[in-house]
Amino acid sequence: MKTSAKQTDRRVIRTKREILNALTELLEQKAIEEITVKEITDLAGINRGTFYLHYIDKFDLFEKSVNQLLVEFREMGTFIISKASTKDSGKQKEEIIQKITSVFEYVKENHRFVKALTSKNSSYSFHHKFNEILKDHLVGLFESIDGSVPAVYLATALSYAYQGLIQTWIQNDMQESSREMSEYAYQLFHHFETSMFNGQDN
């Protein structure tokens, strides 16, 4: 009996999910440098050959997993800024909130991995990567503001605020829904943006 492409894809997705779950569990205990491929494969219940079909080594697995997470934040930043540059409307607000909600859903699905990246055991500067991505998107917007605070500092402040929002949500066991968190994130951005632009008239 032949295996369909769809069945193969599902099998690959399931295998990668098991590998990521194993990596996450190990990252909760120690840094990536201390983890071995054998530990990952044993925990995932796969052989080393299967692992190397998908990844070059443990660092390749780690980087690809982190990059996928960062892609979500990068796309969110691009979308928000593109919408923020247009006239505000109820439809625009809903589109932004829906986009942010999808990111919070992704974070929720991978919350253990995100938490491991920001734990004391991690030697990886996830905070720096996260802040750089959001800051780069926000700088362009704030450069249009003729304010007393340079755009780079405004962008940095807001990116740290978003990081804190996500971390606090995870630390509090994600009691709020992804939709609620996306509305908080939108309000944070909207209030920040409004106060900055209103400041131009003073």
N, C-alpha and C. Protein backbone atom coordinates (compact mmCIF):
# COMPACT_ATOMS: atom_id res chain seq x y z
N MET A 1 0.85 -1.20 0.00
CA MET A 1 0.00 0.00 0.00
C MET A 1 0.88 1.25 0.00
N LYS A 2 0.65 2.13 -0.97
CA LYS A 2 1.46 3.33 -1.09
C LYS A 2 1.07 4.37 -0.04
N THR A 3 2.08 5.11 0.41
CA THR A 3 1.83 6.19 1.36
C THR A 3 1.62 7.48 0.59
N SER A 4 0.51 8.16 0.83
CA SER A 4 0.21 9.40 0.11
C SER A 4 1.10 10.53 0.60
N ALA A 5 1.21 11.57 -0.23
CA ALA A 5 2.02 12.74 0.13
C ALA A 5 1.48 13.39 1.39
N LYS A 6 0.15 13.39 1.52
CA LYS A 6 -0.48 14.00 2.69
C LYS A 6 -0.12 13.23 3.95
N GLN A 7 -0.11 11.90 3.86
CA GLN A 7 0.26 11.08 5.02
C GLN A 7 1.71 11.30 5.40
N THR A 8 2.56 11.42 4.37
CA THR A 8 3.98 11.68 4.62
C THR A 8 4.18 13.02 5.29
N ASP A 9 3.47 14.03 4.80
CA ASP A 9 3.58 15.37 5.38
C ASP A 9 3.15 15.36 6.84
N ARG A 10 2.07 14.66 7.13
CA ARG A 10 1.59 14.58 8.51
C ARG A 10 2.61 13.88 9.40
N ARG A 11 3.24 12.86 8.84
CA ARG A 11 4.24 12.10 9.59
C ARG A 11 5.45 12.98 9.89
N VAL A 12 5.87 13.76 8.91
CA VAL A 12 7.00 14.67 9.09
C VAL A 12 6.67 15.73 10.13
N ILE A 13 5.47 16.30 10.04
CA ILE A 13 5.04 17.31 11.01
C ILE A 13 5.02 16.73 12.42
N ARG A 14 4.49 15.51 12.54
CA ARG A 14 4.42 14.86 13.85
C ARG A 14 5.83 14.58 14.39
N THR A 15 6.72 14.12 13.52
CA THR A 15 8.09 13.83 13.95
C THR A 15 8.80 15.10 14.41
N LYS A 16 8.64 16.18 13.64
CA LYS A 16 9.28 17.44 14.01
C LYS A 16 8.72 17.98 15.31
N ARG A 17 7.43 17.78 15.52
CA ARG A 17 6.81 18.23 16.77
C ARG A 17 7.37 17.44 17.94
N GLU A 18 7.57 16.13 17.78
CA GLU A 18 8.14 15.30 18.84
C GLU A 18 9.58 15.71 19.14
N ILE A 19 10.32 16.04 18.08
CA ILE A 19 11.71 16.49 18.26
C ILE A 19 11.74 17.81 19.01
N LEU A 20 10.87 18.75 18.63
CA LEU A 20 10.82 20.05 19.31
C LEU A 20 10.40 19.89 20.76
N ASN A 21 9.44 19.02 21.02
CA ASN A 21 9.01 18.77 22.40
C ASN A 21 10.16 18.23 23.24
N ALA A 22 10.94 17.34 22.64
CA ALA A 22 12.09 16.76 23.36
C ALA A 22 13.13 17.84 23.63
N LEU A 23 13.41 18.66 22.62
CA LEU A 23 14.37 19.76 22.79
C LEU A 23 13.90 20.70 23.89
N THR A 24 12.62 21.03 23.87
CA THR A 24 12.06 21.94 24.86
C THR A 24 12.22 21.40 26.27
N GLU A 25 11.91 20.13 26.45
CA GLU A 25 12.03 19.51 27.78
C GLU A 25 13.47 19.56 28.28
N LEU A 26 14.41 19.35 27.37
CA LEU A 26 15.82 19.39 27.75
C LEU A 26 16.29 20.82 28.03
N LEU A 27 15.76 21.78 27.26
CA LEU A 27 16.13 23.19 27.47
C LEU A 27 15.62 23.72 28.80
N GLU A 28 14.58 23.08 29.32
CA GLU A 28 14.06 23.47 30.63
C GLU A 28 15.02 23.07 31.74
N GLN A 29 15.97 22.17 31.39
CA GLN A 29 16.91 21.66 32.39
C GLN A 29 18.32 22.22 32.21
N LYS A 30 18.70 22.48 30.95
CA LYS A 30 20.08 22.93 30.70
C LYS A 30 20.19 23.66 29.37
N ALA A 31 21.35 24.27 29.15
CA ALA A 31 21.59 25.06 27.94
C ALA A 31 21.79 24.15 26.73
N ILE A 32 21.58 24.69 25.54
CA ILE A 32 21.70 23.92 24.29
C ILE A 32 23.08 23.30 24.15
N GLU A 33 24.12 23.99 24.63
CA GLU A 33 25.49 23.48 24.51
C GLU A 33 25.68 22.17 25.28
N GLU A 34 24.87 21.94 26.29
CA GLU A 34 25.01 20.76 27.14
C GLU A 34 24.13 19.60 26.68
N ILE A 35 23.29 19.85 25.69
CA ILE A 35 22.36 18.84 25.20
C ILE A 35 22.99 18.04 24.05
N THR A 36 22.74 16.76 23.99
CA THR A 36 23.26 15.92 22.91
C THR A 36 22.12 15.47 21.99
N VAL A 37 22.48 15.12 20.77
CA VAL A 37 21.49 14.62 19.82
C VAL A 37 20.88 13.32 20.35
N LYS A 38 21.70 12.51 21.00
CA LYS A 38 21.20 11.24 21.56
C LYS A 38 20.10 11.49 22.59
N GLU A 39 20.30 12.50 23.42
CA GLU A 39 19.28 12.83 24.42
C GLU A 39 17.97 13.24 23.75
N ILE A 40 18.11 14.01 22.68
CA ILE A 40 16.93 14.48 21.95
C ILE A 40 16.19 13.30 21.31
N THR A 41 16.94 12.44 20.62
CA THR A 41 16.30 11.32 19.92
C THR A 41 15.71 10.30 20.89
N ASP A 42 16.39 10.05 21.99
CA ASP A 42 15.86 9.11 23.00
C ASP A 42 14.55 9.63 23.57
N LEU A 43 14.52 10.91 23.86
CA LEU A 43 13.32 11.52 24.45
C LEU A 43 12.18 11.59 23.44
N ALA A 44 12.54 11.82 22.18
CA ALA A 44 11.52 11.92 21.12
C ALA A 44 11.05 10.55 20.65
N GLY A 45 11.79 9.51 21.00
CA GLY A 45 11.43 8.16 20.58
C GLY A 45 11.70 7.88 19.12
N ILE A 46 12.77 8.48 18.60
CA ILE A 46 13.15 8.27 17.20
C ILE A 46 14.62 7.88 17.14
N ASN A 47 15.07 7.38 15.97
CA ASN A 47 16.49 7.06 15.84
C ASN A 47 17.26 8.26 15.28
N ARG A 48 18.57 8.19 15.38
CA ARG A 48 19.40 9.31 14.94
C ARG A 48 19.26 9.58 13.44
N GLY A 49 19.05 8.51 12.68
CA GLY A 49 18.90 8.66 11.23
C GLY A 49 17.71 9.54 10.89
N THR A 50 16.62 9.35 11.61
CA THR A 50 15.42 10.17 11.40
C THR A 50 15.71 11.63 11.74
N PHE A 51 16.43 11.84 12.82
CA PHE A 51 16.79 13.21 13.22
C PHE A 51 17.57 13.90 12.12
N TYR A 52 18.59 13.19 11.58
CA TYR A 52 19.47 13.80 10.57
C TYR A 52 18.81 13.94 9.20
N LEU A 53 17.64 13.37 9.03
CA LEU A 53 16.88 13.61 7.80
C LEU A 53 16.35 15.04 7.76
N HIS A 54 16.17 15.60 8.96
CA HIS A 54 15.56 16.92 9.07
C HIS A 54 16.52 18.02 9.52
N TYR A 55 17.56 17.64 10.27
CA TYR A 55 18.46 18.65 10.83
C TYR A 55 19.92 18.22 10.71
N ILE A 56 20.79 19.20 10.54
CA ILE A 56 22.23 18.93 10.43
C ILE A 56 22.79 18.49 11.77
N ASP A 57 22.41 19.22 12.81
CA ASP A 57 22.85 18.91 14.17
C ASP A 57 21.90 19.59 15.16
N LYS A 58 22.22 19.56 16.42
CA LYS A 58 21.33 20.14 17.44
C LYS A 58 21.21 21.65 17.28
N PHE A 59 22.28 22.29 16.83
CA PHE A 59 22.24 23.74 16.66
C PHE A 59 21.35 24.14 15.47
N ASP A 60 21.34 23.31 14.45
CA ASP A 60 20.46 23.55 13.30
C ASP A 60 19.00 23.44 13.74
N LEU A 61 18.70 22.44 14.53
CA LEU A 61 17.36 22.27 15.09
C LEU A 61 16.98 23.49 15.93
N PHE A 62 17.88 23.90 16.77
CA PHE A 62 17.63 25.03 17.67
C PHE A 62 17.38 26.31 16.89
N GLU A 63 18.26 26.61 15.93
CA GLU A 63 18.15 27.84 15.16
C GLU A 63 16.87 27.87 14.33
N LYS A 64 16.53 26.74 13.71
CA LYS A 64 15.31 26.70 12.90
C LYS A 64 14.07 26.88 13.76
N SER A 65 14.09 26.32 14.95
CA SER A 65 12.95 26.45 15.86
C SER A 65 12.79 27.89 16.34
N VAL A 66 13.91 28.51 16.69
CA VAL A 66 13.89 29.91 17.13
C VAL A 66 13.47 30.83 15.99
N ASN A 67 14.04 30.58 14.80
CA ASN A 67 13.74 31.44 13.65
C ASN A 67 12.27 31.40 13.27
N GLN A 68 11.64 30.23 13.38
CA GLN A 68 10.22 30.13 13.07
C GLN A 68 9.40 30.99 14.02
N LEU A 69 9.81 31.00 15.27
CA LEU A 69 9.14 31.83 16.27
C LEU A 69 9.34 33.31 15.95
N LEU A 70 10.56 33.67 15.58
CA LEU A 70 10.86 35.07 15.27
C LEU A 70 10.16 35.53 14.00
N VAL A 71 9.95 34.61 13.06
CA VAL A 71 9.23 34.95 11.83
C VAL A 71 7.82 35.42 12.17
N GLU A 72 7.20 34.76 13.14
CA GLU A 72 5.85 35.15 13.56
C GLU A 72 5.83 36.59 14.06
N PHE A 73 6.83 36.95 14.87
CA PHE A 73 6.90 38.31 15.40
C PHE A 73 7.23 39.32 14.31
N ARG A 74 8.10 38.92 13.38
CA ARG A 74 8.48 39.81 12.28
C ARG A 74 7.27 40.12 11.40
N GLU A 75 6.50 39.09 11.09
CA GLU A 75 5.31 39.29 10.26
C GLU A 75 4.28 40.15 10.97
N MET A 76 4.15 39.95 12.28
CA MET A 76 3.23 40.77 13.06
C MET A 76 3.65 42.24 13.02
N GLY A 77 4.95 42.48 13.21
CA GLY A 77 5.45 43.85 13.18
C GLY A 77 5.21 44.52 11.85
N THR A 78 5.49 43.81 10.77
CA THR A 78 5.28 44.35 9.42
C THR A 78 3.82 44.69 9.19
N PHE A 79 2.94 43.80 9.61
CA PHE A 79 1.51 43.99 9.41
C PHE A 79 0.99 45.19 10.20
N ILE A 80 1.38 45.28 11.47
CA ILE A 80 0.91 46.37 12.32
C ILE A 80 1.36 47.73 11.78
N ILE A 81 2.62 47.82 11.39
CA ILE A 81 3.14 49.09 10.89
C ILE A 81 2.47 49.48 9.58
N SER A 82 2.20 48.51 8.72
CA SER A 82 1.54 48.81 7.44
C SER A 82 0.13 49.33 7.69
N LYS A 83 -0.54 48.80 8.70
CA LYS A 83 -1.89 49.24 9.02
C LYS A 83 -1.87 50.56 9.79
N ALA A 84 -0.86 50.74 10.61
CA ALA A 84 -0.77 51.96 11.42
C ALA A 84 -0.53 53.19 10.57
N SER A 85 0.01 52.99 9.37
CA SER A 85 0.31 54.12 8.49
C SER A 85 -0.92 54.59 7.72
N THR A 86 -2.04 53.87 7.87
CA THR A 86 -3.28 54.25 7.20
C THR A 86 -4.26 54.83 8.22
N LYS A 87 -5.32 55.42 7.72
CA LYS A 87 -6.31 56.04 8.60
C LYS A 87 -6.97 54.98 9.47
N ASP A 88 -7.10 55.29 10.76
CA ASP A 88 -7.67 54.34 11.72
C ASP A 88 -9.15 54.10 11.43
N SER A 89 -9.57 52.87 11.59
CA SER A 89 -10.97 52.51 11.41
C SER A 89 -11.25 51.25 12.19
N GLY A 90 -12.55 50.95 12.37
CA GLY A 90 -12.92 49.74 13.08
C GLY A 90 -12.42 48.50 12.37
N LYS A 91 -12.47 48.50 11.04
CA LYS A 91 -12.01 47.36 10.25
C LYS A 91 -10.52 47.17 10.41
N GLN A 92 -9.78 48.29 10.37
CA GLN A 92 -8.33 48.23 10.51
C GLN A 92 -7.95 47.67 11.88
N LYS A 93 -8.63 48.15 12.92
CA LYS A 93 -8.36 47.67 14.28
C LYS A 93 -8.58 46.17 14.38
N GLU A 94 -9.69 45.69 13.81
CA GLU A 94 -10.01 44.27 13.88
C GLU A 94 -8.98 43.43 13.13
N GLU A 95 -8.50 43.93 12.00
CA GLU A 95 -7.48 43.21 11.22
C GLU A 95 -6.19 43.09 12.02
N ILE A 96 -5.81 44.18 12.69
CA ILE A 96 -4.59 44.17 13.50
C ILE A 96 -4.74 43.20 14.67
N ILE A 97 -5.88 43.26 15.35
CA ILE A 97 -6.11 42.38 16.50
C ILE A 97 -6.11 40.91 16.08
N GLN A 98 -6.70 40.62 14.94
CA GLN A 98 -6.71 39.24 14.45
C GLN A 98 -5.29 38.75 14.17
N LYS A 99 -4.46 39.61 13.60
CA LYS A 99 -3.07 39.24 13.32
C LYS A 99 -2.31 38.99 14.61
N ILE A 100 -2.47 39.89 15.58
CA ILE A 100 -1.78 39.72 16.86
C ILE A 100 -2.29 38.47 17.57
N THR A 101 -3.59 38.20 17.46
CA THR A 101 -4.17 37.00 18.07
C THR A 101 -3.51 35.73 17.54
N SER A 102 -3.27 35.70 16.23
CA SER A 102 -2.63 34.52 15.63
C SER A 102 -1.23 34.31 16.19
N VAL A 103 -0.53 35.42 16.50
CA VAL A 103 0.81 35.32 17.08
C VAL A 103 0.72 34.79 18.51
N PHE A 104 -0.23 35.31 19.28
CA PHE A 104 -0.40 34.81 20.65
C PHE A 104 -0.81 33.34 20.66
N GLU A 105 -1.59 32.92 19.67
CA GLU A 105 -1.95 31.51 19.55
C GLU A 105 -0.70 30.66 19.31
N TYR A 106 0.20 31.17 18.47
CA TYR A 106 1.44 30.45 18.18
C TYR A 106 2.30 30.38 19.44
N VAL A 107 2.38 31.50 20.16
CA VAL A 107 3.14 31.53 21.41
C VAL A 107 2.54 30.54 22.42
N LYS A 108 1.22 30.51 22.49
CA LYS A 108 0.55 29.59 23.42
C LYS A 108 0.86 28.14 23.08
N GLU A 109 0.82 27.83 21.79
CA GLU A 109 1.11 26.47 21.34
C GLU A 109 2.54 26.07 21.66
N ASN A 110 3.44 27.05 21.67
CA ASN A 110 4.87 26.78 21.91
C ASN A 110 5.36 27.47 23.18
N HIS A 111 4.48 27.64 24.16
CA HIS A 111 4.84 28.43 25.34
C HIS A 111 5.99 27.83 26.14
N ARG A 112 6.07 26.51 26.18
CA ARG A 112 7.18 25.89 26.93
C ARG A 112 8.52 26.22 26.27
N PHE A 113 8.53 26.22 24.94
CA PHE A 113 9.76 26.55 24.22
C PHE A 113 10.14 28.01 24.45
N VAL A 114 9.17 28.90 24.38
CA VAL A 114 9.42 30.33 24.61
C VAL A 114 9.93 30.54 26.03
N LYS A 115 9.30 29.88 26.98
CA LYS A 115 9.71 30.01 28.38
C LYS A 115 11.12 29.49 28.59
N ALA A 116 11.46 28.39 27.91
CA ALA A 116 12.81 27.83 28.02
C ALA A 116 13.85 28.79 27.46
N LEU A 117 13.48 29.48 26.38
CA LEU A 117 14.41 30.43 25.76
C LEU A 117 14.72 31.61 26.66
N THR A 118 13.78 31.94 27.53
CA THR A 118 13.95 33.10 28.40
C THR A 118 14.31 32.71 29.83
N SER A 119 14.59 31.43 30.04
CA SER A 119 14.93 30.97 31.38
C SER A 119 16.40 31.23 31.70
N LYS A 120 16.75 31.05 32.95
CA LYS A 120 18.13 31.27 33.40
C LYS A 120 19.08 30.22 32.82
N ASN A 121 18.53 29.08 32.38
CA ASN A 121 19.37 28.03 31.80
C ASN A 121 19.81 28.34 30.37
N SER A 122 19.10 29.27 29.74
CA SER A 122 19.37 29.56 28.33
C SER A 122 20.57 30.49 28.16
N SER A 123 21.44 30.11 27.24
CA SER A 123 22.59 30.96 26.91
C SER A 123 22.30 31.76 25.65
N TYR A 124 21.10 31.58 25.13
CA TYR A 124 20.71 32.24 23.87
C TYR A 124 20.01 33.56 24.18
N SER A 125 20.43 34.62 23.49
CA SER A 125 19.86 35.94 23.73
C SER A 125 18.58 36.14 22.93
N PHE A 126 17.53 35.43 23.33
CA PHE A 126 16.24 35.57 22.66
C PHE A 126 15.69 36.98 22.86
N HIS A 127 15.89 37.53 24.05
CA HIS A 127 15.41 38.88 24.34
C HIS A 127 15.95 39.87 23.31
N HIS A 128 17.24 39.75 23.04
CA HIS A 128 17.88 40.68 22.11
C HIS A 128 17.30 40.53 20.70
N LYS A 129 17.17 39.31 20.24
CA LYS A 129 16.63 39.05 18.90
C LYS A 129 15.21 39.60 18.77
N PHE A 130 14.39 39.30 19.77
CA PHE A 130 13.00 39.74 19.78
C PHE A 130 12.92 41.26 19.72
N ASN A 131 13.68 41.92 20.58
CA ASN A 131 13.64 43.38 20.63
C ASN A 131 14.16 44.02 19.36
N GLU A 132 15.19 43.43 18.76
CA GLU A 132 15.74 43.98 17.52
C GLU A 132 14.72 43.93 16.39
N ILE A 133 13.98 42.84 16.30
CA ILE A 133 12.98 42.69 15.24
C ILE A 133 11.89 43.75 15.36
N LEU A 134 11.30 43.88 16.56
CA LEU A 134 10.24 44.86 16.74
C LEU A 134 10.77 46.28 16.64
N LYS A 135 11.94 46.51 17.19
CA LYS A 135 12.52 47.86 17.15
C LYS A 135 12.75 48.31 15.72
N ASP A 136 13.28 47.42 14.89
CA ASP A 136 13.54 47.77 13.49
C ASP A 136 12.26 48.18 12.76
N HIS A 137 11.15 47.53 13.09
CA HIS A 137 9.87 47.87 12.46
C HIS A 137 9.32 49.20 12.98
N LEU A 138 9.51 49.45 14.26
CA LEU A 138 8.91 50.63 14.88
C LEU A 138 9.69 51.91 14.63
N VAL A 139 10.98 51.80 14.43
CA VAL A 139 11.81 52.99 14.23
C VAL A 139 11.30 53.83 13.07
N GLY A 140 10.96 53.17 11.96
CA GLY A 140 10.48 53.90 10.78
C GLY A 140 9.24 54.72 11.07
N LEU A 141 8.34 54.16 11.88
CA LEU A 141 7.12 54.87 12.23
C LEU A 141 7.42 56.08 13.10
N PHE A 142 8.25 55.89 14.11
CA PHE A 142 8.51 56.97 15.06
C PHE A 142 9.45 58.04 14.50
N GLU A 143 10.14 57.73 13.43
CA GLU A 143 11.00 58.74 12.81
C GLU A 143 10.18 59.88 12.20
N SER A 144 8.90 59.60 11.95
CA SER A 144 8.03 60.63 11.39
C SER A 144 7.51 61.59 12.46
N ILE A 145 7.84 61.30 13.71
CA ILE A 145 7.39 62.14 14.82
C ILE A 145 8.49 63.13 15.18
N ASP A 146 8.13 64.40 15.18
CA ASP A 146 9.09 65.44 15.52
C ASP A 146 9.05 65.66 17.03
N GLY A 147 9.59 64.69 17.75
CA GLY A 147 9.55 64.75 19.21
C GLY A 147 10.92 64.97 19.81
N SER A 148 10.94 65.10 21.13
CA SER A 148 12.20 65.35 21.82
C SER A 148 12.98 64.07 22.07
N VAL A 149 12.29 62.92 21.97
CA VAL A 149 12.94 61.62 22.19
C VAL A 149 13.24 60.97 20.85
N PRO A 150 14.49 60.58 20.59
CA PRO A 150 14.85 59.95 19.31
C PRO A 150 14.02 58.68 19.05
N ALA A 151 13.73 58.44 17.78
CA ALA A 151 12.89 57.31 17.37
C ALA A 151 13.41 55.97 17.88
N VAL A 152 14.72 55.80 17.89
CA VAL A 152 15.29 54.51 18.30
C VAL A 152 14.97 54.20 19.76
N TYR A 153 14.89 55.24 20.59
CA TYR A 153 14.57 55.03 22.01
C TYR A 153 13.08 54.73 22.21
N LEU A 154 12.24 55.41 21.44
CA LEU A 154 10.81 55.14 21.50
C LEU A 154 10.53 53.70 21.06
N ALA A 155 11.16 53.29 19.96
CA ALA A 155 10.96 51.94 19.42
C ALA A 155 11.47 50.88 20.40
N THR A 156 12.60 51.16 21.02
CA THR A 156 13.17 50.21 21.99
C THR A 156 12.25 50.06 23.20
N ALA A 157 11.72 51.18 23.67
CA ALA A 157 10.83 51.15 24.84
C ALA A 157 9.59 50.30 24.56
N LEU A 158 8.99 50.47 23.39
CA LEU A 158 7.77 49.72 23.06
C LEU A 158 8.07 48.24 22.83
N SER A 159 9.21 47.94 22.24
CA SER A 159 9.56 46.53 22.00
C SER A 159 9.77 45.80 23.32
N TYR A 160 10.38 46.48 24.30
CA TYR A 160 10.54 45.87 25.62
C TYR A 160 9.19 45.69 26.31
N ALA A 161 8.27 46.63 26.07
CA ALA A 161 6.93 46.53 26.65
C ALA A 161 6.22 45.28 26.13
N TYR A 162 6.34 45.03 24.82
CA TYR A 162 5.71 43.85 24.23
C TYR A 162 6.35 42.57 24.75
N GLN A 163 7.66 42.59 24.90
CA GLN A 163 8.33 41.41 25.43
C GLN A 163 7.84 41.11 26.83
N GLY A 164 7.71 42.16 27.64
CA GLY A 164 7.21 41.99 29.00
C GLY A 164 5.79 41.47 29.04
N LEU A 165 4.98 41.92 28.09
CA LEU A 165 3.59 41.48 27.99
C LEU A 165 3.52 39.97 27.76
N ILE A 166 4.32 39.49 26.83
CA ILE A 166 4.33 38.06 26.49
C ILE A 166 4.89 37.22 27.64
N GLN A 167 6.00 37.68 28.22
CA GLN A 167 6.62 36.93 29.31
C GLN A 167 5.70 36.83 30.53
N THR A 168 5.06 37.95 30.87
CA THR A 168 4.16 37.96 32.02
C THR A 168 2.98 37.03 31.79
N TRP A 169 2.46 37.03 30.57
CA TRP A 169 1.34 36.16 30.22
C TRP A 169 1.72 34.69 30.42
N ILE A 170 2.89 34.31 29.95
CA ILE A 170 3.35 32.93 30.10
C ILE A 170 3.59 32.58 31.56
N GLN A 171 4.24 33.50 32.29
CA GLN A 171 4.53 33.27 33.70
C GLN A 171 3.26 33.13 34.53
N ASN A 172 2.19 33.79 34.09
CA ASN A 172 0.90 33.71 34.79
C ASN A 172 0.02 32.58 34.25
N ASP A 173 0.67 31.62 33.57
CA ASP A 173 -0.02 30.42 33.05
C ASP A 173 -1.11 30.75 32.04
N MET A 174 -0.92 31.85 31.31
CA MET A 174 -1.80 32.22 30.19
C MET A 174 -3.27 32.18 30.57
N GLN A 175 -3.59 32.84 31.66
CA GLN A 175 -4.98 32.86 32.15
C GLN A 175 -5.91 33.61 31.19
N GLU A 176 -5.38 34.63 30.53
CA GLU A 176 -6.18 35.36 29.55
C GLU A 176 -6.14 34.63 28.21
N SER A 177 -7.17 34.83 27.41
CA SER A 177 -7.20 34.21 26.08
C SER A 177 -6.26 34.95 25.14
N SER A 178 -5.93 34.33 24.03
CA SER A 178 -5.08 34.97 23.02
C SER A 178 -5.74 36.24 22.50
N ARG A 179 -7.04 36.21 22.37
CA ARG A 179 -7.79 37.39 21.91
C ARG A 179 -7.67 38.54 22.91
N GLU A 180 -7.81 38.24 24.20
CA GLU A 180 -7.68 39.27 25.22
C GLU A 180 -6.29 39.89 25.18
N MET A 181 -5.27 39.05 25.06
CA MET A 181 -3.90 39.55 25.05
C MET A 181 -3.63 40.40 23.81
N SER A 182 -4.21 40.02 22.70
CA SER A 182 -4.01 40.79 21.48
C SER A 182 -4.66 42.17 21.60
N GLU A 183 -5.78 42.24 22.31
CA GLU A 183 -6.43 43.53 22.54
C GLU A 183 -5.59 44.40 23.47
N TYR A 184 -4.97 43.79 24.47
CA TYR A 184 -4.07 44.53 25.35
C TYR A 184 -2.88 45.07 24.55
N ALA A 185 -2.34 44.22 23.69
CA ALA A 185 -1.19 44.62 22.87
C ALA A 185 -1.57 45.76 21.92
N TYR A 186 -2.76 45.67 21.35
CA TYR A 186 -3.22 46.73 20.45
C TYR A 186 -3.38 48.04 21.21
N GLN A 187 -4.00 47.98 22.38
CA GLN A 187 -4.21 49.19 23.18
C GLN A 187 -2.89 49.81 23.59
N LEU A 188 -1.93 48.96 23.93
CA LEU A 188 -0.60 49.44 24.30
C LEU A 188 0.03 50.22 23.16
N PHE A 189 -0.02 49.64 21.95
CA PHE A 189 0.54 50.30 20.78
C PHE A 189 -0.23 51.58 20.46
N HIS A 190 -1.56 51.50 20.49
CA HIS A 190 -2.41 52.63 20.12
C HIS A 190 -2.21 53.81 21.07
N HIS A 191 -2.17 53.53 22.38
CA HIS A 191 -1.98 54.60 23.36
C HIS A 191 -0.59 55.23 23.21
N PHE A 192 0.40 54.37 22.98
CA PHE A 192 1.77 54.85 22.82
C PHE A 192 1.87 55.74 21.59
N GLU A 193 1.32 55.26 20.48
CA GLU A 193 1.36 56.00 19.22
C GLU A 193 0.60 57.32 19.34
N THR A 194 -0.59 57.27 19.94
CA THR A 194 -1.42 58.47 20.08
C THR A 194 -0.75 59.53 20.94
N SER A 195 -0.16 59.11 22.05
CA SER A 195 0.50 60.07 22.94
C SER A 195 1.70 60.71 22.27
N MET A 196 2.39 59.94 21.43
CA MET A 196 3.55 60.50 20.74
C MET A 196 3.14 61.52 19.68
N PHE A 197 2.12 61.18 18.91
CA PHE A 197 1.68 62.09 17.86
C PHE A 197 1.00 63.33 18.43
N ASN A 198 0.27 63.16 19.53
CA ASN A 198 -0.36 64.31 20.16
C ASN A 198 0.68 65.26 20.72
N GLY A 199 1.82 64.66 21.09
CA GLY A 199 2.89 65.47 21.65
C GLY A 199 3.49 66.45 20.66
N GLN A 200 3.26 66.24 19.37
CA GLN A 200 3.81 67.13 18.36
C GLN A 200 3.14 68.50 18.40
N ASP A 201 1.91 68.54 18.94
CA ASP A 201 1.17 69.79 18.95
C ASP A 201 1.53 70.66 20.14
N ASN A 202 2.30 70.09 21.09
CA ASN A 202 2.64 70.85 22.29
C ASN A 202 3.83 71.77 22.04
